[in-house]
N, C-alpha and C. Protein backbone atom coordinates (compact mmCIF):
# COMPACT_ATOMS: atom_id res chain seq x y z
N MET A 1 0.83 -1.20 0.00
CA MET A 1 0.00 0.00 0.00
C MET A 1 0.87 1.26 0.00
N GLU A 2 1.96 1.19 0.71
CA GLU A 2 2.82 2.36 0.76
C GLU A 2 3.47 2.64 -0.58
N LEU A 3 3.84 1.54 -1.31
CA LEU A 3 4.44 1.71 -2.62
C LEU A 3 3.44 2.31 -3.60
N VAL A 4 2.21 1.85 -3.54
CA VAL A 4 1.18 2.39 -4.43
C VAL A 4 0.94 3.86 -4.15
N GLY A 5 0.88 4.22 -2.85
CA GLY A 5 0.68 5.61 -2.47
C GLY A 5 1.81 6.49 -2.96
N ARG A 6 3.05 5.98 -2.87
CA ARG A 6 4.19 6.76 -3.33
C ARG A 6 4.16 6.94 -4.85
N ARG A 7 3.68 5.93 -5.58
CA ARG A 7 3.63 6.03 -7.02
C ARG A 7 2.54 7.00 -7.48
N GLU A 8 1.50 7.14 -6.69
CA GLU A 8 0.39 8.00 -7.09
C GLU A 8 0.69 9.48 -6.86
N ARG A 9 1.61 9.76 -5.97
CA ARG A 9 1.89 11.17 -5.67
C ARG A 9 2.44 11.95 -6.86
N PRO A 10 3.40 11.45 -7.62
CA PRO A 10 3.87 12.19 -8.80
C PRO A 10 2.77 12.42 -9.81
N GLN A 11 1.85 11.45 -9.95
CA GLN A 11 0.75 11.61 -10.89
C GLN A 11 -0.18 12.74 -10.44
N GLN A 12 -0.41 12.81 -9.12
CA GLN A 12 -1.26 13.88 -8.61
C GLN A 12 -0.62 15.24 -8.80
N ARG A 13 0.70 15.32 -8.66
CA ARG A 13 1.40 16.57 -8.86
C ARG A 13 1.30 17.01 -10.33
N GLN A 14 1.38 16.04 -11.25
CA GLN A 14 1.28 16.36 -12.66
C GLN A 14 -0.11 16.91 -12.99
N ARG A 15 -1.12 16.36 -12.33
CA ARG A 15 -2.48 16.84 -12.58
C ARG A 15 -2.68 18.26 -12.08
N ARG A 16 -1.97 18.64 -11.02
CA ARG A 16 -2.11 19.97 -10.45
C ARG A 16 -1.30 21.03 -11.18
N GLN A 17 -0.44 20.58 -12.10
CA GLN A 17 0.38 21.54 -12.83
C GLN A 17 -0.48 22.45 -13.70
N LYS A 18 -0.05 23.70 -13.88
CA LYS A 18 -0.78 24.67 -14.68
C LYS A 18 -0.77 24.25 -16.14
N PRO A 19 -1.91 24.30 -16.82
CA PRO A 19 -1.97 23.90 -18.22
C PRO A 19 -1.10 24.80 -19.09
N VAL A 20 -0.54 24.23 -20.14
CA VAL A 20 0.33 24.95 -21.05
C VAL A 20 -0.50 25.92 -21.88
N SER A 21 0.03 27.15 -22.11
CA SER A 21 -0.68 28.16 -22.88
C SER A 21 -0.83 27.72 -24.33
N ALA A 22 -2.01 28.00 -24.90
CA ALA A 22 -2.27 27.64 -26.29
C ALA A 22 -1.78 28.72 -27.25
N ILE A 23 -1.37 29.89 -26.73
CA ILE A 23 -0.91 31.00 -27.55
C ILE A 23 0.61 31.04 -27.53
N SER A 24 1.19 31.23 -28.70
CA SER A 24 2.64 31.30 -28.79
C SER A 24 3.17 32.50 -28.01
N PRO A 25 4.23 32.32 -27.21
CA PRO A 25 4.78 33.45 -26.45
C PRO A 25 5.22 34.60 -27.35
N LEU A 26 5.72 34.29 -28.55
CA LEU A 26 6.14 35.34 -29.46
C LEU A 26 4.96 36.21 -29.88
N ILE A 27 3.86 35.55 -30.25
CA ILE A 27 2.66 36.29 -30.65
C ILE A 27 2.09 37.06 -29.46
N LYS A 28 2.08 36.42 -28.32
CA LYS A 28 1.51 37.04 -27.12
C LYS A 28 2.23 38.33 -26.75
N TYR A 29 3.56 38.27 -26.64
CA TYR A 29 4.29 39.45 -26.20
C TYR A 29 4.46 40.48 -27.32
N SER A 30 4.43 40.04 -28.57
CA SER A 30 4.46 41.00 -29.67
C SER A 30 3.18 41.82 -29.67
N LEU A 31 2.05 41.16 -29.48
CA LEU A 31 0.77 41.88 -29.39
C LEU A 31 0.73 42.80 -28.19
N PHE A 32 1.30 42.34 -27.08
CA PHE A 32 1.30 43.17 -25.87
C PHE A 32 2.15 44.42 -26.07
N VAL A 33 3.33 44.26 -26.66
CA VAL A 33 4.21 45.42 -26.88
C VAL A 33 3.54 46.42 -27.82
N PHE A 34 2.90 45.91 -28.88
CA PHE A 34 2.23 46.81 -29.83
C PHE A 34 1.10 47.57 -29.16
N THR A 35 0.25 46.88 -28.42
CA THR A 35 -0.88 47.53 -27.76
C THR A 35 -0.42 48.44 -26.63
N PHE A 36 0.67 48.08 -25.96
CA PHE A 36 1.19 48.93 -24.88
C PHE A 36 1.73 50.24 -25.45
N PHE A 37 2.42 50.15 -26.58
CA PHE A 37 2.92 51.36 -27.24
C PHE A 37 1.74 52.23 -27.69
N PHE A 38 0.72 51.59 -28.23
CA PHE A 38 -0.50 52.31 -28.64
C PHE A 38 -1.16 52.97 -27.43
N TRP A 39 -1.16 52.28 -26.30
CA TRP A 39 -1.76 52.81 -25.08
C TRP A 39 -0.97 54.01 -24.55
N LEU A 40 0.35 53.97 -24.65
CA LEU A 40 1.19 55.10 -24.22
C LEU A 40 0.90 56.34 -25.07
N ILE A 41 0.73 56.15 -26.38
CA ILE A 41 0.39 57.28 -27.25
C ILE A 41 -0.96 57.87 -26.84
N ALA A 42 -1.91 56.99 -26.52
CA ALA A 42 -3.23 57.45 -26.08
C ALA A 42 -3.12 58.25 -24.79
N CYS A 43 -2.28 57.80 -23.87
CA CYS A 43 -2.07 58.55 -22.61
C CYS A 43 -1.48 59.93 -22.89
N ALA A 44 -0.55 60.00 -23.83
CA ALA A 44 0.06 61.29 -24.17
C ALA A 44 -0.98 62.23 -24.79
N LEU A 45 -1.81 61.71 -25.69
CA LEU A 45 -2.85 62.53 -26.30
C LEU A 45 -3.85 63.02 -25.26
N LEU A 46 -4.27 62.12 -24.38
CA LEU A 46 -5.24 62.47 -23.35
C LEU A 46 -4.67 63.51 -22.39
N GLY A 47 -3.43 63.31 -21.96
CA GLY A 47 -2.80 64.25 -21.05
C GLY A 47 -2.61 65.62 -21.67
N THR A 48 -2.19 65.65 -22.94
CA THR A 48 -2.02 66.92 -23.64
C THR A 48 -3.34 67.66 -23.79
N GLY A 49 -4.39 66.91 -24.15
CA GLY A 49 -5.70 67.53 -24.31
C GLY A 49 -6.23 68.11 -23.01
N ILE A 50 -6.09 67.35 -21.91
CA ILE A 50 -6.57 67.83 -20.61
C ILE A 50 -5.78 69.07 -20.17
N TYR A 51 -4.47 69.04 -20.34
CA TYR A 51 -3.64 70.19 -19.95
C TYR A 51 -4.02 71.43 -20.75
N ALA A 52 -4.20 71.27 -22.07
CA ALA A 52 -4.56 72.41 -22.92
C ALA A 52 -5.94 72.94 -22.57
N ARG A 53 -6.86 72.02 -22.26
CA ARG A 53 -8.22 72.45 -21.92
C ARG A 53 -8.25 73.21 -20.58
N VAL A 54 -7.48 72.75 -19.61
CA VAL A 54 -7.42 73.41 -18.30
C VAL A 54 -6.78 74.79 -18.42
N GLU A 55 -5.73 74.90 -19.25
CA GLU A 55 -5.05 76.17 -19.41
C GLU A 55 -5.94 77.23 -20.05
N LYS A 56 -6.88 76.79 -20.90
CA LYS A 56 -7.75 77.75 -21.58
C LYS A 56 -8.82 78.31 -20.65
N GLY A 57 -9.23 77.52 -19.70
CA GLY A 57 -10.28 77.99 -18.78
C GLY A 57 -11.67 77.70 -19.31
N GLN A 58 -12.61 78.55 -18.96
CA GLN A 58 -14.02 78.33 -19.28
C GLN A 58 -14.30 78.56 -20.76
N VAL A 59 -15.26 77.77 -21.30
CA VAL A 59 -15.67 77.89 -22.69
C VAL A 59 -16.98 78.65 -22.74
N ASN A 60 -17.10 79.56 -23.70
CA ASN A 60 -18.30 80.40 -23.79
C ASN A 60 -19.50 79.66 -24.38
N ALA A 61 -19.28 78.73 -25.29
CA ALA A 61 -20.39 78.05 -25.95
C ALA A 61 -19.98 76.62 -26.29
N ILE A 62 -21.01 75.78 -26.48
CA ILE A 62 -20.76 74.39 -26.85
C ILE A 62 -20.10 74.30 -28.21
N VAL A 63 -20.46 75.22 -29.11
CA VAL A 63 -19.88 75.21 -30.45
C VAL A 63 -18.37 75.42 -30.37
N ASP A 64 -17.94 76.34 -29.51
CA ASP A 64 -16.50 76.57 -29.34
C ASP A 64 -15.81 75.35 -28.76
N LEU A 65 -16.51 74.64 -27.88
CA LEU A 65 -15.93 73.44 -27.29
C LEU A 65 -15.74 72.35 -28.33
N LEU A 66 -16.73 72.15 -29.19
CA LEU A 66 -16.64 71.12 -30.22
C LEU A 66 -15.58 71.44 -31.26
N ALA A 67 -15.32 72.73 -31.49
CA ALA A 67 -14.31 73.13 -32.46
C ALA A 67 -12.93 73.29 -31.84
N ASP A 68 -12.80 72.94 -30.58
CA ASP A 68 -11.54 73.11 -29.85
C ASP A 68 -10.63 71.91 -30.11
N PRO A 69 -9.40 72.13 -30.60
CA PRO A 69 -8.47 71.00 -30.79
C PRO A 69 -8.18 70.24 -29.51
N ALA A 70 -8.18 70.95 -28.37
CA ALA A 70 -7.92 70.28 -27.09
C ALA A 70 -9.03 69.28 -26.77
N PHE A 71 -10.26 69.65 -27.03
CA PHE A 71 -11.40 68.75 -26.80
C PHE A 71 -11.30 67.54 -27.73
N LEU A 72 -10.88 67.76 -28.96
CA LEU A 72 -10.70 66.65 -29.90
C LEU A 72 -9.63 65.69 -29.40
N LEU A 73 -8.55 66.21 -28.84
CA LEU A 73 -7.50 65.36 -28.29
C LEU A 73 -8.02 64.54 -27.11
N ILE A 74 -8.85 65.15 -26.28
CA ILE A 74 -9.41 64.43 -25.12
C ILE A 74 -10.29 63.28 -25.59
N VAL A 75 -11.15 63.52 -26.57
CA VAL A 75 -12.06 62.48 -27.05
C VAL A 75 -11.28 61.34 -27.71
N VAL A 76 -10.38 61.69 -28.62
CA VAL A 76 -9.59 60.66 -29.31
C VAL A 76 -8.69 59.92 -28.33
N GLY A 77 -8.06 60.66 -27.42
CA GLY A 77 -7.18 60.03 -26.43
C GLY A 77 -7.93 59.09 -25.51
N SER A 78 -9.15 59.46 -25.10
CA SER A 78 -9.94 58.60 -24.21
C SER A 78 -10.33 57.30 -24.90
N LEU A 79 -10.80 57.41 -26.14
CA LEU A 79 -11.18 56.20 -26.88
C LEU A 79 -9.97 55.30 -27.12
N ALA A 80 -8.85 55.92 -27.52
CA ALA A 80 -7.65 55.13 -27.76
C ALA A 80 -7.14 54.49 -26.48
N TRP A 81 -7.29 55.19 -25.34
CA TRP A 81 -6.84 54.65 -24.05
C TRP A 81 -7.64 53.41 -23.69
N VAL A 82 -8.95 53.46 -23.88
CA VAL A 82 -9.80 52.30 -23.57
C VAL A 82 -9.46 51.12 -24.47
N VAL A 83 -9.31 51.39 -25.78
CA VAL A 83 -8.98 50.31 -26.72
C VAL A 83 -7.62 49.72 -26.40
N GLY A 84 -6.62 50.56 -26.13
CA GLY A 84 -5.29 50.07 -25.81
C GLY A 84 -5.26 49.27 -24.52
N PHE A 85 -6.03 49.72 -23.53
CA PHE A 85 -6.08 49.01 -22.25
C PHE A 85 -6.69 47.62 -22.44
N ILE A 86 -7.75 47.53 -23.21
CA ILE A 86 -8.38 46.23 -23.47
C ILE A 86 -7.40 45.30 -24.19
N GLY A 87 -6.67 45.83 -25.17
CA GLY A 87 -5.70 45.01 -25.89
C GLY A 87 -4.55 44.55 -25.02
N CYS A 88 -4.03 45.45 -24.16
CA CYS A 88 -2.90 45.10 -23.28
C CYS A 88 -3.30 44.00 -22.30
N VAL A 89 -4.40 44.19 -21.60
CA VAL A 89 -4.83 43.20 -20.61
C VAL A 89 -5.20 41.89 -21.28
N GLY A 90 -5.89 41.96 -22.41
CA GLY A 90 -6.27 40.75 -23.11
C GLY A 90 -5.08 39.94 -23.59
N ALA A 91 -4.04 40.63 -24.10
CA ALA A 91 -2.85 39.92 -24.57
C ALA A 91 -2.03 39.36 -23.42
N LEU A 92 -1.89 40.12 -22.34
CA LEU A 92 -1.06 39.68 -21.22
C LEU A 92 -1.71 38.54 -20.44
N ARG A 93 -3.01 38.62 -20.25
CA ARG A 93 -3.73 37.61 -19.48
C ARG A 93 -4.29 36.49 -20.34
N GLU A 94 -4.12 36.62 -21.66
CA GLU A 94 -4.65 35.63 -22.60
C GLU A 94 -6.16 35.46 -22.42
N ASN A 95 -6.82 36.59 -22.22
CA ASN A 95 -8.26 36.60 -22.03
C ASN A 95 -8.94 36.64 -23.39
N ILE A 96 -9.60 35.57 -23.76
CA ILE A 96 -10.21 35.46 -25.08
C ILE A 96 -11.31 36.51 -25.26
N CYS A 97 -12.08 36.77 -24.22
CA CYS A 97 -13.16 37.74 -24.31
C CYS A 97 -12.63 39.14 -24.63
N LEU A 98 -11.57 39.56 -23.92
CA LEU A 98 -10.99 40.88 -24.16
C LEU A 98 -10.32 40.95 -25.53
N LEU A 99 -9.67 39.87 -25.94
CA LEU A 99 -9.03 39.86 -27.26
C LEU A 99 -10.05 39.95 -28.37
N LYS A 100 -11.18 39.26 -28.21
CA LYS A 100 -12.24 39.36 -29.21
C LYS A 100 -12.82 40.77 -29.26
N THR A 101 -13.00 41.37 -28.08
CA THR A 101 -13.50 42.75 -28.03
C THR A 101 -12.53 43.69 -28.72
N TYR A 102 -11.24 43.52 -28.45
CA TYR A 102 -10.20 44.34 -29.09
C TYR A 102 -10.22 44.16 -30.60
N PHE A 103 -10.37 42.92 -31.05
CA PHE A 103 -10.41 42.64 -32.49
C PHE A 103 -11.65 43.27 -33.13
N TYR A 104 -12.80 43.16 -32.49
CA TYR A 104 -14.04 43.71 -33.05
C TYR A 104 -13.97 45.23 -33.13
N ILE A 105 -13.37 45.86 -32.12
CA ILE A 105 -13.24 47.33 -32.15
C ILE A 105 -12.35 47.77 -33.30
N LEU A 106 -11.22 47.07 -33.48
CA LEU A 106 -10.33 47.42 -34.60
C LEU A 106 -11.01 47.20 -35.94
N MET A 107 -11.77 46.11 -36.06
CA MET A 107 -12.50 45.85 -37.29
C MET A 107 -13.55 46.93 -37.54
N LEU A 108 -14.24 47.37 -36.48
CA LEU A 108 -15.23 48.42 -36.62
C LEU A 108 -14.59 49.72 -37.09
N LEU A 109 -13.44 50.07 -36.50
CA LEU A 109 -12.74 51.28 -36.91
C LEU A 109 -12.29 51.20 -38.37
N PHE A 110 -11.82 50.02 -38.78
CA PHE A 110 -11.39 49.84 -40.17
C PHE A 110 -12.57 49.99 -41.13
N VAL A 111 -13.72 49.40 -40.77
CA VAL A 111 -14.91 49.49 -41.62
C VAL A 111 -15.39 50.93 -41.70
N LEU A 112 -15.37 51.65 -40.57
CA LEU A 112 -15.80 53.05 -40.58
C LEU A 112 -14.89 53.90 -41.46
N GLN A 113 -13.58 53.65 -41.39
CA GLN A 113 -12.66 54.38 -42.25
C GLN A 113 -12.90 54.07 -43.72
N LEU A 114 -13.16 52.79 -44.01
CA LEU A 114 -13.41 52.39 -45.40
C LEU A 114 -14.69 53.03 -45.92
N VAL A 115 -15.74 53.00 -45.10
CA VAL A 115 -17.01 53.62 -45.50
C VAL A 115 -16.85 55.13 -45.67
N GLY A 116 -16.10 55.75 -44.74
CA GLY A 116 -15.85 57.18 -44.86
C GLY A 116 -15.10 57.55 -46.14
N ALA A 117 -14.11 56.72 -46.50
CA ALA A 117 -13.35 56.98 -47.72
C ALA A 117 -14.24 56.84 -48.96
N ILE A 118 -15.10 55.83 -48.96
CA ILE A 118 -16.01 55.63 -50.10
C ILE A 118 -17.00 56.78 -50.22
N LEU A 119 -17.60 57.17 -49.08
CA LEU A 119 -18.55 58.28 -49.09
C LEU A 119 -17.87 59.59 -49.49
N GLY A 120 -16.63 59.78 -49.03
CA GLY A 120 -15.90 60.97 -49.40
C GLY A 120 -15.62 61.03 -50.90
N PHE A 121 -15.38 59.87 -51.51
CA PHE A 121 -15.13 59.82 -52.96
C PHE A 121 -16.42 60.05 -53.73
N VAL A 122 -17.52 59.45 -53.28
CA VAL A 122 -18.80 59.57 -53.99
C VAL A 122 -19.35 60.99 -53.87
N PHE A 123 -19.29 61.55 -52.66
CA PHE A 123 -19.81 62.90 -52.43
C PHE A 123 -18.65 63.88 -52.28
N SER A 124 -17.74 63.85 -53.22
CA SER A 124 -16.54 64.68 -53.13
C SER A 124 -16.87 66.17 -53.13
N ASP A 125 -17.88 66.58 -53.90
CA ASP A 125 -18.23 68.00 -53.95
C ASP A 125 -18.75 68.49 -52.60
N THR A 126 -19.60 67.67 -51.97
CA THR A 126 -20.13 68.05 -50.66
C THR A 126 -19.02 68.09 -49.61
N VAL A 127 -18.12 67.10 -49.67
CA VAL A 127 -17.01 67.07 -48.72
C VAL A 127 -16.11 68.29 -48.89
N GLU A 128 -15.84 68.63 -50.14
CA GLU A 128 -15.00 69.80 -50.41
C GLU A 128 -15.66 71.08 -49.90
N GLU A 129 -16.99 71.16 -50.04
CA GLU A 129 -17.70 72.34 -49.55
C GLU A 129 -17.66 72.41 -48.02
N ARG A 130 -17.83 71.25 -47.37
CA ARG A 130 -17.78 71.22 -45.90
C ARG A 130 -16.39 71.58 -45.39
N ILE A 131 -15.38 71.08 -46.05
CA ILE A 131 -14.01 71.40 -45.65
C ILE A 131 -13.74 72.89 -45.83
N GLY A 132 -14.27 73.46 -46.93
CA GLY A 132 -14.12 74.89 -47.14
C GLY A 132 -14.78 75.70 -46.04
N ASP A 133 -15.95 75.26 -45.58
CA ASP A 133 -16.63 75.95 -44.48
C ASP A 133 -15.82 75.86 -43.19
N LEU A 134 -15.22 74.68 -42.94
CA LEU A 134 -14.41 74.52 -41.74
C LEU A 134 -13.17 75.41 -41.79
N VAL A 135 -12.56 75.51 -42.97
CA VAL A 135 -11.38 76.36 -43.12
C VAL A 135 -11.74 77.82 -42.88
N GLU A 136 -12.86 78.27 -43.44
CA GLU A 136 -13.29 79.64 -43.23
C GLU A 136 -13.58 79.92 -41.76
N SER A 137 -14.22 78.96 -41.10
CA SER A 137 -14.51 79.12 -39.68
C SER A 137 -13.22 79.17 -38.86
N ALA A 138 -12.25 78.34 -39.23
CA ALA A 138 -10.96 78.35 -38.52
C ALA A 138 -10.22 79.67 -38.74
N ILE A 139 -10.27 80.20 -39.96
CA ILE A 139 -9.62 81.48 -40.24
C ILE A 139 -10.28 82.60 -39.44
N GLU A 140 -11.59 82.53 -39.31
CA GLU A 140 -12.32 83.56 -38.56
C GLU A 140 -11.93 83.56 -37.08
N ARG A 141 -11.64 82.38 -36.53
CA ARG A 141 -11.32 82.25 -35.10
C ARG A 141 -9.81 82.15 -34.86
N TYR A 142 -9.01 82.58 -35.82
CA TYR A 142 -7.56 82.39 -35.76
C TYR A 142 -6.94 83.02 -34.52
N ARG A 143 -7.34 84.24 -34.18
CA ARG A 143 -6.76 84.94 -33.04
C ARG A 143 -7.47 84.63 -31.72
N ASP A 144 -8.57 83.89 -31.78
CA ASP A 144 -9.36 83.65 -30.58
C ASP A 144 -8.96 82.37 -29.85
N ASP A 145 -8.24 81.49 -30.51
CA ASP A 145 -7.87 80.20 -29.91
C ASP A 145 -6.40 79.92 -30.22
N ILE A 146 -5.57 79.90 -29.21
CA ILE A 146 -4.13 79.73 -29.42
C ILE A 146 -3.79 78.36 -30.01
N ASP A 147 -4.54 77.31 -29.60
CA ASP A 147 -4.29 75.98 -30.15
C ASP A 147 -4.66 75.92 -31.62
N LEU A 148 -5.79 76.53 -31.97
CA LEU A 148 -6.21 76.58 -33.37
C LEU A 148 -5.23 77.40 -34.19
N GLN A 149 -4.73 78.47 -33.61
CA GLN A 149 -3.75 79.31 -34.30
C GLN A 149 -2.47 78.52 -34.60
N ASN A 150 -1.99 77.77 -33.62
CA ASN A 150 -0.79 76.96 -33.83
C ASN A 150 -1.03 75.87 -34.88
N LEU A 151 -2.22 75.29 -34.86
CA LEU A 151 -2.55 74.25 -35.84
C LEU A 151 -2.58 74.81 -37.25
N ILE A 152 -3.19 76.00 -37.43
CA ILE A 152 -3.24 76.62 -38.75
C ILE A 152 -1.85 77.00 -39.23
N ASP A 153 -1.05 77.58 -38.33
CA ASP A 153 0.31 77.96 -38.71
C ASP A 153 1.13 76.74 -39.12
N TRP A 154 0.99 75.66 -38.35
CA TRP A 154 1.74 74.44 -38.69
C TRP A 154 1.29 73.90 -40.05
N THR A 155 -0.02 73.91 -40.30
CA THR A 155 -0.54 73.38 -41.57
C THR A 155 -0.06 74.22 -42.74
N GLN A 156 -0.10 75.53 -42.60
CA GLN A 156 0.31 76.40 -43.71
C GLN A 156 1.81 76.29 -43.99
N LYS A 157 2.60 76.14 -42.95
CA LYS A 157 4.04 75.98 -43.16
C LYS A 157 4.38 74.61 -43.72
N GLU A 158 3.70 73.58 -43.21
CA GLU A 158 4.01 72.21 -43.64
C GLU A 158 3.62 71.97 -45.09
N PHE A 159 2.45 72.48 -45.49
CA PHE A 159 1.95 72.25 -46.85
C PHE A 159 2.18 73.45 -47.77
N GLU A 160 2.87 74.47 -47.26
CA GLU A 160 3.23 75.65 -48.05
C GLU A 160 2.01 76.24 -48.73
N CYS A 161 1.00 76.54 -47.93
CA CYS A 161 -0.23 77.13 -48.46
C CYS A 161 -0.58 78.35 -47.63
N CYS A 162 -1.60 79.08 -48.07
CA CYS A 162 -2.04 80.28 -47.36
C CYS A 162 -3.54 80.45 -47.58
N GLY A 163 -4.31 80.27 -46.52
CA GLY A 163 -5.75 80.39 -46.65
C GLY A 163 -6.40 79.14 -47.21
N GLY A 164 -7.62 79.32 -47.76
CA GLY A 164 -8.37 78.19 -48.29
C GLY A 164 -8.47 78.22 -49.79
N GLU A 165 -9.70 78.18 -50.27
CA GLU A 165 -9.93 78.10 -51.73
C GLU A 165 -9.47 79.36 -52.45
N ASP A 166 -9.66 80.51 -51.84
CA ASP A 166 -9.27 81.79 -52.46
C ASP A 166 -7.87 82.24 -52.06
N GLY A 167 -7.12 81.37 -51.44
CA GLY A 167 -5.75 81.69 -51.07
C GLY A 167 -5.68 82.75 -49.98
N PHE A 168 -4.72 83.65 -50.10
CA PHE A 168 -4.50 84.66 -49.06
C PHE A 168 -5.69 85.60 -48.91
N LYS A 169 -6.54 85.69 -49.94
CA LYS A 169 -7.70 86.57 -49.86
C LYS A 169 -8.69 86.12 -48.79
N ASP A 170 -8.65 84.83 -48.43
CA ASP A 170 -9.55 84.35 -47.37
C ASP A 170 -9.27 85.06 -46.06
N TRP A 171 -8.02 85.40 -45.81
CA TRP A 171 -7.67 86.10 -44.57
C TRP A 171 -8.24 87.52 -44.58
N HIS A 172 -8.30 88.14 -45.75
CA HIS A 172 -8.85 89.49 -45.85
C HIS A 172 -10.37 89.50 -45.77
N GLN A 173 -10.99 88.39 -46.10
CA GLN A 173 -12.45 88.33 -46.15
C GLN A 173 -13.08 87.79 -44.87
N HIS A 174 -12.38 86.86 -44.17
CA HIS A 174 -13.02 86.14 -43.06
C HIS A 174 -12.41 86.43 -41.69
N ASN A 175 -11.32 87.15 -41.63
CA ASN A 175 -10.71 87.45 -40.34
C ASN A 175 -10.74 88.96 -40.10
N ARG A 176 -11.27 89.37 -38.94
CA ARG A 176 -11.45 90.80 -38.68
C ARG A 176 -10.13 91.53 -38.46
N TYR A 177 -9.09 90.82 -38.10
CA TYR A 177 -7.80 91.48 -37.88
C TYR A 177 -7.07 91.74 -39.20
N PHE A 178 -7.25 90.85 -40.18
CA PHE A 178 -6.57 90.99 -41.47
C PHE A 178 -7.48 91.58 -42.54
N ASN A 179 -8.70 91.96 -42.15
CA ASN A 179 -9.65 92.52 -43.11
C ASN A 179 -9.11 93.80 -43.74
N CYS A 180 -9.39 93.95 -45.05
CA CYS A 180 -8.80 95.06 -45.80
C CYS A 180 -9.69 96.30 -45.86
N THR A 181 -10.79 96.33 -45.15
CA THR A 181 -11.66 97.50 -45.20
C THR A 181 -11.00 98.69 -44.51
N ASP A 182 -11.39 99.88 -44.94
CA ASP A 182 -10.81 101.11 -44.37
C ASP A 182 -11.20 101.30 -42.91
N LEU A 183 -12.30 100.67 -42.48
CA LEU A 183 -12.76 100.82 -41.11
C LEU A 183 -12.03 99.92 -40.13
N ASN A 184 -11.16 99.07 -40.63
CA ASN A 184 -10.43 98.16 -39.76
C ASN A 184 -9.24 98.88 -39.12
N PRO A 185 -9.24 99.04 -37.79
CA PRO A 185 -8.13 99.77 -37.14
C PRO A 185 -6.93 98.88 -36.82
N SER A 186 -6.99 97.61 -37.14
CA SER A 186 -5.93 96.69 -36.76
C SER A 186 -4.63 97.00 -37.51
N ARG A 187 -3.52 96.80 -36.84
CA ARG A 187 -2.21 96.98 -37.47
C ARG A 187 -1.93 95.89 -38.49
N GLU A 188 -2.70 94.80 -38.43
CA GLU A 188 -2.52 93.68 -39.37
C GLU A 188 -3.43 93.80 -40.58
N ARG A 189 -4.04 94.94 -40.78
CA ARG A 189 -4.98 95.12 -41.90
C ARG A 189 -4.29 94.84 -43.24
N CYS A 190 -5.00 94.05 -44.07
CA CYS A 190 -4.50 93.65 -45.39
C CYS A 190 -3.25 92.78 -45.31
N GLY A 191 -2.99 92.21 -44.16
CA GLY A 191 -1.84 91.33 -44.01
C GLY A 191 -2.23 89.86 -43.98
N VAL A 192 -1.30 89.02 -43.67
CA VAL A 192 -1.52 87.57 -43.54
C VAL A 192 -0.67 87.08 -42.37
N PRO A 193 -0.99 85.91 -41.82
CA PRO A 193 -0.15 85.35 -40.76
C PRO A 193 1.27 85.07 -41.24
N TYR A 194 2.18 85.03 -40.30
CA TYR A 194 3.58 84.81 -40.66
C TYR A 194 3.80 83.46 -41.33
N SER A 195 2.90 82.49 -41.05
CA SER A 195 3.06 81.16 -41.64
C SER A 195 2.78 81.15 -43.13
N CYS A 196 2.23 82.26 -43.67
CA CYS A 196 2.04 82.36 -45.11
C CYS A 196 3.31 82.77 -45.83
N CYS A 197 4.31 83.24 -45.09
CA CYS A 197 5.55 83.71 -45.69
C CYS A 197 6.44 82.54 -46.08
N ARG A 198 7.17 82.72 -47.17
CA ARG A 198 8.07 81.69 -47.67
C ARG A 198 9.48 82.25 -47.81
N PRO A 199 10.47 81.67 -47.12
CA PRO A 199 11.84 82.17 -47.24
C PRO A 199 12.46 81.81 -48.59
N GLU A 200 13.12 82.78 -49.19
CA GLU A 200 13.85 82.55 -50.43
C GLU A 200 15.29 83.05 -50.21
N GLY A 201 16.16 82.15 -49.81
CA GLY A 201 17.51 82.55 -49.47
C GLY A 201 17.49 83.37 -48.19
N GLN A 202 17.95 84.63 -48.25
CA GLN A 202 17.92 85.52 -47.12
C GLN A 202 16.69 86.43 -47.12
N GLU A 203 15.88 86.32 -48.15
CA GLU A 203 14.71 87.17 -48.27
C GLU A 203 13.48 86.41 -47.82
N VAL A 204 12.44 87.16 -47.52
CA VAL A 204 11.14 86.57 -47.14
C VAL A 204 10.09 87.10 -48.08
N ARG A 205 9.38 86.20 -48.74
CA ARG A 205 8.34 86.59 -49.67
C ARG A 205 7.00 86.24 -49.08
N THR A 206 6.08 87.20 -49.02
CA THR A 206 4.73 86.94 -48.52
C THR A 206 3.86 86.47 -49.65
N ALA A 207 2.82 85.68 -49.27
CA ALA A 207 1.90 85.15 -50.29
C ALA A 207 1.06 86.26 -50.88
N ALA A 208 0.93 87.39 -50.17
CA ALA A 208 0.16 88.51 -50.71
C ALA A 208 0.94 89.26 -51.77
């Protein structure tokens, strides 16, 4: 009886051993590193948006809040943070439910982007008109929002453009500081933002 009992003990220990993972360690940790990096970017976006929103203080209207780049960073950062967190925990813990949720969210985002691209191509005229309205609205609020001002300046310098569809004339038509009317007392009358200027050697050429 003692010999039988001794022989059964190793078998019982083997039964109590933790089952081997069905997921390859390479795939598991590669997915974790990717989602963790994605999650860190989301944290940076969320933190930047919250800091910018707090620095601005109170918002006068809901419309200004929705058009605020800081608010956009908060929304995008929050969604990305949740998605990244689900992916990190699901990959590290090998939780099938969380991994499926992470996969479905990514698939949904891909489908939405695909549908948006198709609709943008089909209704290109409407999209172009909407974008033109957004550009005009941004030009009008150029001096009222420092984040929007930095975004416009970066865009104009990066893409070497000035204004919207009508070029530099959009600044004279839609911004009260650069307006060319005789009643405008601004020192920037008939001018353009510095980001419209293009260096040529040692000289600076304005788009106007």
